[in-house]
Amino acid sequence: MKTLELPAPSVEQLAELDELYRKTRDARLRTRAQMVLLAAEQRMTSTRIATIVRESDQTVRRWLKRYQAEGVAGLSDAPRPGAPARVPEAYRERLVQIVRQRPRSLGLPYSLWTLQRLADYLAEETGVRLATESVRRYLKAVEIVLSRPQHKISSPDPEYAVKKRRLKQLVTS
């Protein structure tokens, strides 16, 4: 099989590939950038690169050819067919607005949001019913995570701390 030779990349192309390799969170994209960098900088063969990145020789050759044809943009996955998202962007924006408000400020009888409460509230407001897992994924996409509440026992009684201390002393004695 004939070896695939990549032309020497420019300084800008190398910088773009290096930045992609270092900063992307997508492991597949990082591996593809690594393939191109090894071929361009180290002049490695596709067989040697395949051994390093644990892919087949054919896969390495395919991504190197795609890089030659399309550049760095060609290393990304092509759009896949499928149903479009059923949840409108307005719903996602409203979800973020709602979760950043206290439930009591919206006239609700509870103090903390749960995924189920958010799903129910937004279903009433927007008419779109989502599963709690979908709500969790949309929140995670904007780096919001609902954690379990930490319960703290308190009292409006001004002598609460004194009484609590006395009770603790009685229990330990």
Protein backbone atom coordinates (compact mmCIF):
# COMPACT_ATOMS: atom_id res chain seq x y z
CA MET A 1 0.00 0.00 0.00
CA LYS A 2 1.29 3.44 -0.95
CA THR A 3 2.24 5.70 1.96
CA LEU A 4 0.21 8.84 2.46
CA GLU A 5 2.36 11.97 2.62
CA LEU A 6 0.93 15.12 4.13
CA PRO A 7 2.37 18.37 2.79
CA ALA A 8 4.28 20.35 5.39
CA PRO A 9 1.71 22.45 7.28
CA SER A 10 2.13 26.17 7.80
CA VAL A 11 2.87 27.64 11.21
CA GLU A 12 -0.76 28.81 11.47
CA GLN A 13 -2.08 25.34 10.65
CA LEU A 14 0.21 23.75 13.24
CA ALA A 15 -0.88 26.29 15.85
CA GLU A 16 -4.55 25.63 15.06
CA LEU A 17 -4.05 21.85 15.29
CA ASP A 18 -2.07 22.19 18.51
CA GLU A 19 -4.75 24.37 20.08
CA LEU A 20 -7.46 21.91 19.01
CA TYR A 21 -5.45 19.01 20.45
CA ARG A 22 -4.86 20.75 23.78
CA LYS A 23 -8.21 22.46 24.37
CA THR A 24 -10.95 20.23 22.99
CA ARG A 25 -12.98 18.12 25.39
CA ASP A 26 -14.05 15.77 22.61
CA ALA A 27 -11.76 12.73 22.77
CA ARG A 28 -12.52 11.73 19.18
CA LEU A 29 -11.55 15.16 17.88
CA ARG A 30 -8.37 15.16 20.00
CA THR A 31 -7.36 11.77 18.57
CA ARG A 32 -7.88 13.01 15.03
CA ALA A 33 -5.80 16.12 15.68
CA GLN A 34 -3.11 13.86 17.14
CA MET A 35 -3.14 11.73 13.97
CA VAL A 36 -2.56 14.79 11.79
CA LEU A 37 0.12 16.19 14.10
CA LEU A 38 2.03 12.89 14.11
CA ALA A 39 1.82 12.66 10.32
CA ALA A 40 2.77 16.31 9.72
CA GLU A 41 5.40 16.93 12.40
CA GLN A 42 6.93 13.50 12.96
CA ARG A 43 6.42 12.25 9.38
CA MET A 44 5.05 8.97 10.73
CA THR A 45 3.32 6.46 8.48
CA SER A 46 -0.37 5.72 8.90
CA THR A 47 0.47 2.22 10.18
CA ARG A 48 2.70 3.61 12.95
CA ILE A 49 0.10 6.27 13.86
CA ALA A 50 -2.62 3.59 13.96
CA THR A 51 -0.56 1.68 16.53
CA ILE A 52 -0.15 4.77 18.70
CA VAL A 53 -3.78 5.95 18.64
CA ARG A 54 -5.24 2.39 18.70
CA GLU A 55 -7.21 2.78 15.50
CA SER A 56 -7.01 0.87 12.24
CA ASP A 57 -4.66 1.94 9.46
CA GLN A 58 -7.69 2.54 7.25
CA THR A 59 -9.22 4.91 9.83
CA VAL A 60 -6.01 6.92 10.12
CA ARG A 61 -5.73 7.20 6.35
CA ARG A 62 -9.38 8.32 6.09
CA TRP A 63 -8.88 11.15 8.61
CA LEU A 64 -5.60 12.26 7.06
CA LYS A 65 -7.26 12.44 3.63
CA ARG A 66 -10.19 14.34 5.08
CA TYR A 67 -7.78 16.79 6.72
CA GLN A 68 -6.03 17.31 3.38
CA ALA A 69 -9.35 17.99 1.68
CA GLU A 70 -11.11 20.14 4.32
CA GLY A 71 -8.50 21.30 6.83
CA VAL A 72 -9.12 21.38 10.57
CA ALA A 73 -12.88 21.70 10.05
CA GLY A 74 -12.84 18.28 8.37
CA LEU A 75 -11.76 16.60 11.60
CA SER A 76 -15.18 17.19 13.22
CA ASP A 77 -17.93 14.64 12.92
CA ALA A 78 -20.31 15.18 10.03
CA PRO A 79 -23.92 15.97 10.97
CA ARG A 80 -25.92 12.83 11.49
CA PRO A 81 -29.50 12.27 10.44
CA GLY A 82 -32.20 12.13 13.05
CA ALA A 83 -35.17 13.89 14.45
CA PRO A 84 -34.65 17.55 15.31
CA ALA A 85 -34.78 18.57 18.94
CA ARG A 86 -38.35 18.67 20.16
CA VAL A 87 -37.62 21.15 22.91
CA PRO A 88 -37.60 24.73 21.70
CA GLU A 89 -34.76 27.06 22.64
CA ALA A 90 -37.26 29.28 24.47
CA TYR A 91 -38.02 26.39 26.84
CA ARG A 92 -34.34 25.93 27.68
CA GLU A 93 -33.89 29.65 28.31
CA ARG A 94 -36.98 29.70 30.53
CA LEU A 95 -35.68 26.66 32.43
CA VAL A 96 -32.48 28.51 33.29
CA GLN A 97 -34.43 31.62 34.31
CA ILE A 98 -36.74 29.59 36.55
CA VAL A 99 -34.03 27.53 38.25
CA ARG A 100 -32.18 30.73 39.20
CA GLN A 101 -35.23 31.99 41.12
CA ARG A 102 -36.45 30.76 44.47
CA PRO A 103 -39.69 28.76 44.24
CA ARG A 104 -41.33 30.85 46.97
CA SER A 105 -40.74 34.02 44.94
CA LEU A 106 -42.94 32.42 42.26
CA GLY A 107 -45.70 31.73 44.79
CA LEU A 108 -44.90 28.04 45.16
CA PRO A 109 -45.26 26.26 48.54
CA TYR A 110 -41.69 24.95 48.73
CA SER A 111 -38.21 26.42 49.15
CA LEU A 112 -36.01 24.26 46.93
CA TRP A 113 -36.15 23.09 43.34
CA THR A 114 -36.02 19.42 42.46
CA LEU A 115 -35.95 18.06 38.93
CA GLN A 116 -39.52 16.84 39.28
CA ARG A 117 -40.73 20.20 40.57
CA LEU A 118 -39.00 22.01 37.70
CA ALA A 119 -40.47 19.61 35.13
CA ASP A 120 -43.97 20.04 36.63
CA TYR A 121 -43.75 23.83 36.88
CA LEU A 122 -42.51 24.25 33.31
CA ALA A 123 -45.09 21.76 31.99
CA GLU A 124 -47.83 23.95 33.48
CA GLU A 125 -46.23 27.15 32.22
CA THR A 126 -45.18 26.10 28.71
CA GLY A 127 -47.29 23.04 27.95
CA VAL A 128 -44.13 21.02 27.15
CA ARG A 129 -43.71 17.97 29.40
CA LEU A 130 -40.15 16.66 29.79
CA ALA A 131 -38.78 13.77 31.78
CA THR A 132 -36.69 14.71 34.80
CA GLU A 133 -33.61 13.24 33.12
CA SER A 134 -34.06 15.61 30.17
CA VAL A 135 -34.36 18.55 32.55
CA ARG A 136 -31.17 17.40 34.29
CA ARG A 137 -29.30 17.17 30.94
CA TYR A 138 -30.37 20.67 29.86
CA LEU A 139 -29.28 22.07 33.23
CA LYS A 140 -25.97 20.22 33.06
CA ALA A 141 -25.34 21.67 29.59
CA VAL A 142 -25.32 25.16 31.18
CA GLU A 143 -23.31 23.88 34.18
CA ILE A 144 -26.16 23.91 36.71
CA VAL A 145 -26.41 20.92 39.01
CA LEU A 146 -29.14 20.49 41.58
CA SER A 147 -27.70 18.97 44.73
CA ARG A 148 -29.42 17.45 47.70
CA PRO A 149 -30.51 19.99 50.28
CA GLN A 150 -28.55 20.30 53.50
CA HIS A 151 -31.03 20.36 56.35
CA LYS A 152 -30.32 22.67 59.25
CA ILE A 153 -32.44 22.67 62.34
CA SER A 154 -33.12 26.12 63.71
CA SER A 155 -35.74 27.93 65.70
CA PRO A 156 -37.05 31.48 65.98
CA ASP A 157 -36.74 31.15 69.79
CA PRO A 158 -34.04 33.60 71.00
CA GLU A 159 -33.01 31.12 73.75
CA TYR A 160 -32.76 28.20 71.29
CA ALA A 161 -28.95 27.95 71.46
CA VAL A 162 -28.97 27.89 75.30
CA LYS A 163 -31.69 25.23 75.43
CA LYS A 164 -29.90 23.13 72.78
CA ARG A 165 -26.65 23.27 74.77
CA ARG A 166 -28.45 22.20 78.00
CA LEU A 167 -30.14 19.33 76.21
CA LYS A 168 -26.82 18.19 74.76
CA GLN A 169 -25.25 18.22 78.26
CA LEU A 170 -28.14 16.12 79.63
CA VAL A 171 -27.79 13.56 76.85
CA THR A 172 -24.00 13.19 77.26
CA SER A 173 -24.22 12.90 81.11
